Amino acid sequence: MSGPGDVPPQLLRRLRPICLGLPETYEEPAWIGVRWRIRKRTFAHVYTPDPGRNLVYPRHPVAGEPPTVMTFRVPAAELLGLTGSGFPFFRAGWGHNVAGALLGDHTDWTEVVELLTDSYCELAPKFLVARVAAPAGQRSAAPMSRPPTAG
């Protein structure tokens, strides 16, 4: 089993400002890796899986390193579209709207901002989602390149 220290520090440095830039979020160690939450709901989880366990992610090598996986929520209507194209995305083995992505040098960080913002919007109370969806200059969250979907 891996721990929070197993997530490459450069990935945590990229993910933290995205996740903590959303209203009322916090970070905590998860049973494996690190997770970000709104209230008591996890909207992002990043970890390095233990290769000895039953894996629920595609076994694509990423630069010869152990894979780093990020799971997040996706509007249910968009799950198949996102995960159907394959690498780096996959459908998690739990939940009706949980997807995962393998992170690495190939990662499109603009897309990660969008995905994590959507994930947050799937779980946050509507009054907090409204703060994210407000016009630029009127919100405290990270910028979005597309509005969240209704859910």
N, C-alpha and C. Protein backbone atom coordinates (compact mmCIF):
# COMPACT_ATOMS: atom_id res chain seq x y z
N MET A 1 0.85 -1.18 0.00
CA MET A 1 0.00 0.00 0.00
C MET A 1 0.89 1.23 0.00
N SER A 2 0.52 2.21 -0.79
CA SER A 2 1.30 3.43 -0.83
C SER A 2 0.73 4.43 0.16
N GLY A 3 1.46 5.51 0.39
CA GLY A 3 1.02 6.56 1.28
C GLY A 3 1.09 7.89 0.57
N PRO A 4 0.73 8.99 1.27
CA PRO A 4 0.75 10.31 0.63
C PRO A 4 2.10 10.67 0.03
N GLY A 5 3.18 10.21 0.63
CA GLY A 5 4.50 10.53 0.13
C GLY A 5 4.84 9.85 -1.18
N ASP A 6 4.03 8.88 -1.59
CA ASP A 6 4.29 8.16 -2.82
C ASP A 6 3.84 8.90 -4.08
N VAL A 7 3.03 9.93 -3.91
CA VAL A 7 2.61 10.73 -5.06
C VAL A 7 3.76 11.65 -5.42
N PRO A 8 4.19 11.66 -6.67
CA PRO A 8 5.31 12.52 -7.04
C PRO A 8 5.05 13.98 -6.65
N PRO A 9 6.00 14.61 -5.97
CA PRO A 9 5.80 15.99 -5.49
C PRO A 9 5.45 16.98 -6.59
N GLN A 10 5.98 16.78 -7.80
CA GLN A 10 5.67 17.71 -8.89
C GLN A 10 4.19 17.64 -9.27
N LEU A 11 3.58 16.47 -9.14
CA LEU A 11 2.15 16.35 -9.43
C LEU A 11 1.32 17.01 -8.32
N LEU A 12 1.72 16.83 -7.08
CA LEU A 12 1.01 17.49 -5.98
C LEU A 12 1.11 19.02 -6.11
N ARG A 13 2.28 19.52 -6.55
CA ARG A 13 2.43 20.97 -6.74
C ARG A 13 1.50 21.49 -7.83
N ARG A 14 1.20 20.69 -8.82
CA ARG A 14 0.27 21.11 -9.88
C ARG A 14 -1.19 21.00 -9.42
N LEU A 15 -1.52 19.94 -8.68
CA LEU A 15 -2.91 19.69 -8.28
C LEU A 15 -3.38 20.58 -7.13
N ARG A 16 -2.52 20.87 -6.19
CA ARG A 16 -2.95 21.63 -5.01
C ARG A 16 -3.59 22.97 -5.34
N PRO A 17 -2.97 23.83 -6.16
CA PRO A 17 -3.62 25.12 -6.41
C PRO A 17 -4.94 24.99 -7.17
N ILE A 18 -5.06 23.96 -7.99
CA ILE A 18 -6.32 23.74 -8.70
C ILE A 18 -7.42 23.39 -7.70
N CYS A 19 -7.15 22.39 -6.88
CA CYS A 19 -8.16 21.90 -5.94
C CYS A 19 -8.43 22.88 -4.81
N LEU A 20 -7.39 23.45 -4.24
CA LEU A 20 -7.58 24.36 -3.10
C LEU A 20 -8.05 25.74 -3.54
N GLY A 21 -8.05 26.01 -4.85
CA GLY A 21 -8.56 27.27 -5.37
C GLY A 21 -10.07 27.28 -5.49
N LEU A 22 -10.71 26.15 -5.26
CA LEU A 22 -12.17 26.07 -5.31
C LEU A 22 -12.73 26.36 -3.91
N PRO A 23 -13.92 26.97 -3.83
CA PRO A 23 -14.46 27.42 -2.54
C PRO A 23 -14.61 26.30 -1.50
N GLU A 24 -14.09 26.58 -0.32
CA GLU A 24 -14.27 25.75 0.88
C GLU A 24 -13.75 24.32 0.74
N THR A 25 -12.69 24.13 -0.04
CA THR A 25 -12.11 22.80 -0.18
C THR A 25 -10.96 22.61 0.80
N TYR A 26 -10.62 21.37 1.04
CA TYR A 26 -9.46 21.06 1.87
C TYR A 26 -8.81 19.77 1.39
N GLU A 27 -7.55 19.61 1.79
CA GLU A 27 -6.75 18.44 1.43
C GLU A 27 -6.54 17.59 2.66
N GLU A 28 -6.49 16.28 2.46
CA GLU A 28 -6.17 15.39 3.57
C GLU A 28 -5.56 14.10 3.03
N PRO A 29 -4.79 13.40 3.87
CA PRO A 29 -4.29 12.09 3.46
C PRO A 29 -5.48 11.14 3.30
N ALA A 30 -5.43 10.31 2.29
CA ALA A 30 -6.48 9.31 2.07
C ALA A 30 -5.93 7.95 2.51
N TRP A 31 -6.73 6.93 2.40
CA TRP A 31 -6.26 5.59 2.75
C TRP A 31 -5.05 5.21 1.91
N ILE A 32 -4.97 5.81 0.75
CA ILE A 32 -3.81 5.68 -0.13
C ILE A 32 -3.72 7.02 -0.87
N GLY A 33 -2.60 7.65 -0.86
CA GLY A 33 -2.43 8.92 -1.56
C GLY A 33 -3.03 10.11 -0.83
N VAL A 34 -3.50 11.08 -1.61
CA VAL A 34 -4.02 12.35 -1.10
C VAL A 34 -5.37 12.60 -1.76
N ARG A 35 -6.29 13.21 -1.00
CA ARG A 35 -7.58 13.55 -1.58
C ARG A 35 -7.95 14.99 -1.24
N TRP A 36 -8.83 15.55 -2.08
CA TRP A 36 -9.36 16.89 -1.86
C TRP A 36 -10.86 16.76 -1.73
N ARG A 37 -11.42 17.52 -0.75
CA ARG A 37 -12.82 17.35 -0.42
C ARG A 37 -13.55 18.68 -0.35
N ILE A 38 -14.83 18.60 -0.61
CA ILE A 38 -15.76 19.68 -0.32
C ILE A 38 -16.72 19.08 0.70
N ARG A 39 -16.74 19.70 1.86
CA ARG A 39 -17.48 19.15 3.00
C ARG A 39 -16.86 17.78 3.28
N LYS A 40 -17.62 16.72 3.22
CA LYS A 40 -17.08 15.38 3.46
C LYS A 40 -17.11 14.53 2.20
N ARG A 41 -17.15 15.21 1.04
CA ARG A 41 -17.24 14.51 -0.23
C ARG A 41 -15.94 14.69 -1.01
N THR A 42 -15.37 13.58 -1.45
CA THR A 42 -14.11 13.61 -2.20
C THR A 42 -14.38 13.91 -3.66
N PHE A 43 -13.79 15.01 -4.15
CA PHE A 43 -13.95 15.35 -5.57
C PHE A 43 -12.69 15.06 -6.37
N ALA A 44 -11.57 14.79 -5.70
CA ALA A 44 -10.34 14.41 -6.39
C ALA A 44 -9.49 13.55 -5.46
N HIS A 45 -8.88 12.54 -6.03
CA HIS A 45 -8.03 11.62 -5.26
C HIS A 45 -6.87 11.23 -6.15
N VAL A 46 -5.65 11.39 -5.65
CA VAL A 46 -4.47 11.04 -6.44
C VAL A 46 -3.62 10.08 -5.61
N TYR A 47 -3.08 9.06 -6.31
CA TYR A 47 -2.31 8.05 -5.60
C TYR A 47 -1.46 7.26 -6.58
N THR A 48 -0.48 6.57 -6.02
CA THR A 48 0.32 5.61 -6.77
C THR A 48 -0.14 4.23 -6.33
N PRO A 49 -0.82 3.49 -7.21
CA PRO A 49 -1.37 2.19 -6.81
C PRO A 49 -0.28 1.19 -6.46
N ASP A 50 -0.64 0.30 -5.56
CA ASP A 50 0.23 -0.82 -5.22
C ASP A 50 0.09 -1.86 -6.33
N PRO A 51 1.17 -2.15 -7.08
CA PRO A 51 1.06 -3.08 -8.22
C PRO A 51 0.68 -4.49 -7.80
N GLY A 52 0.83 -4.83 -6.53
CA GLY A 52 0.48 -6.17 -6.07
C GLY A 52 -1.00 -6.37 -5.82
N ARG A 53 -1.79 -5.29 -5.86
CA ARG A 53 -3.23 -5.38 -5.62
C ARG A 53 -3.98 -5.51 -6.94
N ASN A 54 -5.23 -5.88 -6.83
CA ASN A 54 -6.09 -5.95 -8.02
C ASN A 54 -6.27 -4.54 -8.56
N LEU A 55 -5.79 -4.29 -9.75
CA LEU A 55 -5.78 -2.94 -10.29
C LEU A 55 -7.06 -2.62 -11.05
N VAL A 56 -7.58 -1.40 -10.87
CA VAL A 56 -8.79 -0.99 -11.56
C VAL A 56 -8.49 0.09 -12.58
N TYR A 57 -7.25 0.20 -13.00
CA TYR A 57 -6.87 1.19 -13.99
C TYR A 57 -6.15 0.46 -15.13
N PRO A 58 -6.14 1.06 -16.29
CA PRO A 58 -5.44 0.43 -17.41
C PRO A 58 -3.94 0.31 -17.12
N ARG A 59 -3.35 -0.73 -17.58
CA ARG A 59 -1.92 -0.95 -17.34
C ARG A 59 -1.08 -0.38 -18.46
N HIS A 60 -1.15 0.93 -18.63
CA HIS A 60 -0.33 1.61 -19.64
C HIS A 60 0.94 2.10 -18.97
N PRO A 61 2.10 1.75 -19.49
CA PRO A 61 3.32 2.31 -18.91
C PRO A 61 3.41 3.80 -19.21
N VAL A 62 3.84 4.56 -18.23
CA VAL A 62 4.03 6.00 -18.40
C VAL A 62 5.49 6.29 -18.07
N ALA A 63 6.30 6.47 -19.09
CA ALA A 63 7.72 6.82 -18.94
C ALA A 63 8.46 5.87 -18.01
N GLY A 64 8.09 4.58 -18.00
CA GLY A 64 8.79 3.59 -17.21
C GLY A 64 8.65 3.77 -15.71
N GLU A 65 7.78 4.63 -15.26
CA GLU A 65 7.59 4.91 -13.83
C GLU A 65 6.32 4.21 -13.35
N PRO A 66 6.21 4.00 -12.03
CA PRO A 66 4.93 3.49 -11.53
C PRO A 66 3.84 4.52 -11.86
N PRO A 67 2.65 4.05 -12.21
CA PRO A 67 1.59 4.99 -12.60
C PRO A 67 1.11 5.82 -11.42
N THR A 68 0.71 7.05 -11.70
CA THR A 68 0.03 7.89 -10.73
C THR A 68 -1.38 8.07 -11.27
N VAL A 69 -2.36 7.76 -10.43
CA VAL A 69 -3.75 7.77 -10.83
C VAL A 69 -4.48 8.90 -10.12
N MET A 70 -5.34 9.59 -10.85
CA MET A 70 -6.22 10.60 -10.27
C MET A 70 -7.65 10.17 -10.57
N THR A 71 -8.49 10.05 -9.54
CA THR A 71 -9.90 9.78 -9.75
C THR A 71 -10.70 11.03 -9.44
N PHE A 72 -11.86 11.15 -10.10
CA PHE A 72 -12.67 12.35 -9.99
C PHE A 72 -14.07 12.02 -10.49
N ARG A 73 -15.02 12.92 -10.21
CA ARG A 73 -16.40 12.75 -10.66
C ARG A 73 -16.60 13.42 -12.01
N VAL A 74 -17.45 12.84 -12.81
CA VAL A 74 -17.77 13.35 -14.14
C VAL A 74 -19.30 13.39 -14.23
N PRO A 75 -19.88 14.43 -14.83
CA PRO A 75 -21.32 14.37 -15.06
C PRO A 75 -21.64 13.05 -15.77
N ALA A 76 -22.62 12.31 -15.28
CA ALA A 76 -22.91 10.97 -15.78
C ALA A 76 -23.08 10.94 -17.30
N ALA A 77 -23.68 11.97 -17.87
CA ALA A 77 -23.90 12.01 -19.32
C ALA A 77 -22.59 12.14 -20.10
N GLU A 78 -21.50 12.55 -19.45
CA GLU A 78 -20.22 12.75 -20.13
C GLU A 78 -19.22 11.63 -19.87
N LEU A 79 -19.55 10.70 -18.98
CA LEU A 79 -18.60 9.66 -18.58
C LEU A 79 -18.13 8.81 -19.75
N LEU A 80 -19.04 8.31 -20.54
CA LEU A 80 -18.66 7.45 -21.66
C LEU A 80 -17.84 8.21 -22.69
N GLY A 81 -18.21 9.44 -22.96
CA GLY A 81 -17.46 10.25 -23.92
C GLY A 81 -16.02 10.46 -23.49
N LEU A 82 -15.82 10.69 -22.20
CA LEU A 82 -14.47 10.91 -21.69
C LEU A 82 -13.66 9.62 -21.66
N THR A 83 -14.25 8.57 -21.12
CA THR A 83 -13.49 7.34 -20.91
C THR A 83 -13.44 6.44 -22.14
N GLY A 84 -14.36 6.64 -23.09
CA GLY A 84 -14.40 5.80 -24.28
C GLY A 84 -13.21 5.94 -25.19
N SER A 85 -12.52 7.08 -25.11
CA SER A 85 -11.36 7.28 -25.97
C SER A 85 -10.11 6.59 -25.45
N GLY A 86 -10.16 6.08 -24.24
CA GLY A 86 -9.02 5.35 -23.68
C GLY A 86 -7.96 6.26 -23.08
N PHE A 87 -6.72 5.82 -23.14
CA PHE A 87 -5.60 6.49 -22.48
C PHE A 87 -5.64 8.00 -22.72
N PRO A 88 -5.48 8.76 -21.64
CA PRO A 88 -5.14 8.41 -20.26
C PRO A 88 -6.34 8.19 -19.36
N PHE A 89 -7.57 8.18 -19.93
CA PHE A 89 -8.77 8.09 -19.10
C PHE A 89 -9.32 6.68 -19.03
N PHE A 90 -10.02 6.39 -17.93
CA PHE A 90 -10.69 5.11 -17.75
C PHE A 90 -11.83 5.29 -16.77
N ARG A 91 -12.75 4.36 -16.81
CA ARG A 91 -13.86 4.36 -15.85
C ARG A 91 -13.41 3.61 -14.61
N ALA A 92 -13.66 4.21 -13.46
CA ALA A 92 -13.29 3.55 -12.21
C ALA A 92 -14.24 2.37 -11.98
N GLY A 93 -13.82 1.47 -11.13
CA GLY A 93 -14.61 0.27 -10.86
C GLY A 93 -15.70 0.48 -9.82
N TRP A 94 -16.02 1.72 -9.46
CA TRP A 94 -17.05 2.00 -8.48
C TRP A 94 -17.75 3.31 -8.87
N GLY A 95 -18.93 3.49 -8.38
CA GLY A 95 -19.67 4.73 -8.62
C GLY A 95 -20.19 4.84 -10.03
N HIS A 96 -21.32 5.54 -10.19
CA HIS A 96 -21.93 5.69 -11.51
C HIS A 96 -21.31 6.81 -12.33
N ASN A 97 -20.47 7.64 -11.68
CA ASN A 97 -19.90 8.78 -12.39
C ASN A 97 -18.43 9.03 -12.02
N VAL A 98 -17.71 7.96 -11.73
CA VAL A 98 -16.31 8.10 -11.32
C VAL A 98 -15.39 7.69 -12.46
N ALA A 99 -14.50 8.60 -12.82
CA ALA A 99 -13.51 8.35 -13.86
C ALA A 99 -12.12 8.47 -13.25
N GLY A 100 -11.15 8.02 -14.00
CA GLY A 100 -9.77 8.14 -13.57
C GLY A 100 -8.91 8.57 -14.74
N ALA A 101 -7.74 9.06 -14.39
CA ALA A 101 -6.76 9.45 -15.41
C ALA A 101 -5.38 9.06 -14.91
N LEU A 102 -4.57 8.59 -15.82
CA LEU A 102 -3.15 8.36 -15.51
C LEU A 102 -2.44 9.68 -15.75
N LEU A 103 -1.69 10.14 -14.75
CA LEU A 103 -0.99 11.42 -14.85
C LEU A 103 0.47 11.21 -15.19
N GLY A 104 1.06 12.17 -15.87
CA GLY A 104 2.47 12.10 -16.22
C GLY A 104 2.85 13.26 -17.12
N ASP A 105 3.94 13.09 -17.83
CA ASP A 105 4.42 14.15 -18.73
C ASP A 105 3.42 14.47 -19.84
N HIS A 106 2.56 13.53 -20.17
CA HIS A 106 1.56 13.69 -21.22
C HIS A 106 0.34 14.49 -20.77
N THR A 107 0.22 14.79 -19.50
CA THR A 107 -0.99 15.39 -18.94
C THR A 107 -1.25 16.78 -19.49
N ASP A 108 -2.49 17.02 -19.90
CA ASP A 108 -2.97 18.33 -20.35
C ASP A 108 -3.56 19.02 -19.12
N TRP A 109 -2.80 19.94 -18.53
CA TRP A 109 -3.20 20.56 -17.27
C TRP A 109 -4.38 21.51 -17.42
N THR A 110 -4.60 22.04 -18.59
CA THR A 110 -5.80 22.85 -18.82
C THR A 110 -7.03 21.95 -18.70
N GLU A 111 -6.95 20.76 -19.27
CA GLU A 111 -8.05 19.81 -19.17
C GLU A 111 -8.25 19.35 -17.73
N VAL A 112 -7.17 19.17 -16.98
CA VAL A 112 -7.28 18.76 -15.58
C VAL A 112 -8.04 19.83 -14.78
N VAL A 113 -7.76 21.10 -15.03
CA VAL A 113 -8.49 22.18 -14.35
C VAL A 113 -9.99 22.03 -14.62
N GLU A 114 -10.35 21.82 -15.87
CA GLU A 114 -11.75 21.67 -16.25
C GLU A 114 -12.38 20.45 -15.58
N LEU A 115 -11.68 19.32 -15.61
CA LEU A 115 -12.20 18.09 -15.04
C LEU A 115 -12.40 18.20 -13.54
N LEU A 116 -11.42 18.78 -12.85
CA LEU A 116 -11.53 18.89 -11.40
C LEU A 116 -12.58 19.93 -10.99
N THR A 117 -12.72 20.97 -11.78
CA THR A 117 -13.77 21.95 -11.50
C THR A 117 -15.14 21.30 -11.69
N ASP A 118 -15.31 20.54 -12.76
CA ASP A 118 -16.57 19.82 -12.97
C ASP A 118 -16.83 18.83 -11.84
N SER A 119 -15.80 18.13 -11.41
CA SER A 119 -15.94 17.17 -10.32
C SER A 119 -16.41 17.87 -9.05
N TYR A 120 -15.79 18.99 -8.74
CA TYR A 120 -16.19 19.79 -7.59
C TYR A 120 -17.67 20.18 -7.72
N CYS A 121 -18.06 20.64 -8.90
CA CYS A 121 -19.43 21.09 -9.13
C CYS A 121 -20.44 19.95 -9.02
N GLU A 122 -20.01 18.73 -9.26
CA GLU A 122 -20.89 17.58 -9.09
C GLU A 122 -21.25 17.35 -7.62
N LEU A 123 -20.37 17.75 -6.70
CA LEU A 123 -20.53 17.40 -5.29
C LEU A 123 -20.78 18.57 -4.36
N ALA A 124 -20.43 19.77 -4.77
CA ALA A 124 -20.55 20.94 -3.89
C ALA A 124 -22.00 21.41 -3.81
N PRO A 125 -22.33 22.08 -2.69
CA PRO A 125 -23.67 22.70 -2.61
C PRO A 125 -23.83 23.74 -3.71
N LYS A 126 -25.06 23.94 -4.15
CA LYS A 126 -25.35 24.83 -5.27
C LYS A 126 -24.85 26.25 -5.04
N PHE A 127 -24.91 26.75 -3.80
CA PHE A 127 -24.46 28.12 -3.57
C PHE A 127 -22.95 28.25 -3.75
N LEU A 128 -22.19 27.18 -3.53
CA LEU A 128 -20.76 27.22 -3.80
C LEU A 128 -20.48 27.05 -5.29
N VAL A 129 -21.25 26.21 -5.94
CA VAL A 129 -21.11 26.04 -7.40
C VAL A 129 -21.36 27.39 -8.08
N ALA A 130 -22.32 28.15 -7.58
CA ALA A 130 -22.61 29.46 -8.17
C ALA A 130 -21.41 30.39 -8.07
N ARG A 131 -20.61 30.25 -7.04
CA ARG A 131 -19.40 31.07 -6.91
C ARG A 131 -18.37 30.69 -7.97
N VAL A 132 -18.32 29.43 -8.33
CA VAL A 132 -17.39 28.96 -9.36
C VAL A 132 -17.85 29.41 -10.74
N ALA A 133 -19.16 29.37 -10.96
CA ALA A 133 -19.71 29.68 -12.27
C ALA A 133 -19.90 31.18 -12.49
N ALA A 134 -19.64 32.01 -11.49
CA ALA A 134 -19.80 33.46 -11.63
C ALA A 134 -18.80 34.00 -12.64
N PRO A 135 -19.10 35.14 -13.27
CA PRO A 135 -18.17 35.73 -14.24
C PRO A 135 -16.82 36.03 -13.62
N ALA A 136 -15.78 36.02 -14.44
CA ALA A 136 -14.42 36.31 -13.96
C ALA A 136 -14.42 37.62 -13.19
N GLY A 137 -13.65 37.68 -12.12
CA GLY A 137 -13.58 38.86 -11.28
C GLY A 137 -14.60 38.84 -10.17
N GLN A 138 -15.59 37.95 -10.24
CA GLN A 138 -16.62 37.85 -9.21
C GLN A 138 -16.56 36.52 -8.49
N ARG A 139 -15.52 35.76 -8.71
CA ARG A 139 -15.40 34.48 -8.03
C ARG A 139 -14.01 34.35 -7.43
N SER A 140 -13.90 33.46 -6.47
CA SER A 140 -12.59 33.24 -5.85
C SER A 140 -11.96 31.94 -6.31
N ALA A 141 -12.65 31.19 -7.16
CA ALA A 141 -12.15 29.89 -7.61
C ALA A 141 -11.23 30.04 -8.81
N ALA A 142 -10.57 28.93 -9.14
CA ALA A 142 -9.71 28.90 -10.32
C ALA A 142 -10.54 29.15 -11.57
N PRO A 143 -9.98 29.74 -12.61
CA PRO A 143 -10.75 30.01 -13.82
C PRO A 143 -11.16 28.72 -14.51
N MET A 144 -12.30 28.79 -15.17
CA MET A 144 -12.81 27.64 -15.94
C MET A 144 -12.89 28.05 -17.39
N SER A 145 -12.66 27.11 -18.28
CA SER A 145 -12.79 27.42 -19.68
C SER A 145 -14.14 27.01 -20.23
N ARG A 146 -14.94 26.29 -19.41
CA ARG A 146 -16.30 25.95 -19.81
C ARG A 146 -17.15 25.91 -18.55
N PRO A 147 -18.43 26.24 -18.65
CA PRO A 147 -19.29 26.25 -17.47
C PRO A 147 -19.57 24.84 -17.02
N PRO A 148 -19.86 24.65 -15.73
CA PRO A 148 -20.19 23.31 -15.25
C PRO A 148 -21.54 22.89 -15.83
N THR A 149 -21.72 21.58 -15.96
CA THR A 149 -22.99 21.08 -16.44
C THR A 149 -23.96 20.99 -15.28
N ALA A 150 -25.21 21.11 -15.58
CA ALA A 150 -26.24 20.99 -14.54
C ALA A 150 -26.32 19.54 -14.09
N GLY A 151 -26.57 19.33 -12.86
CA GLY A 151 -26.62 17.94 -12.42
C GLY A 151 -27.56 17.79 -11.39
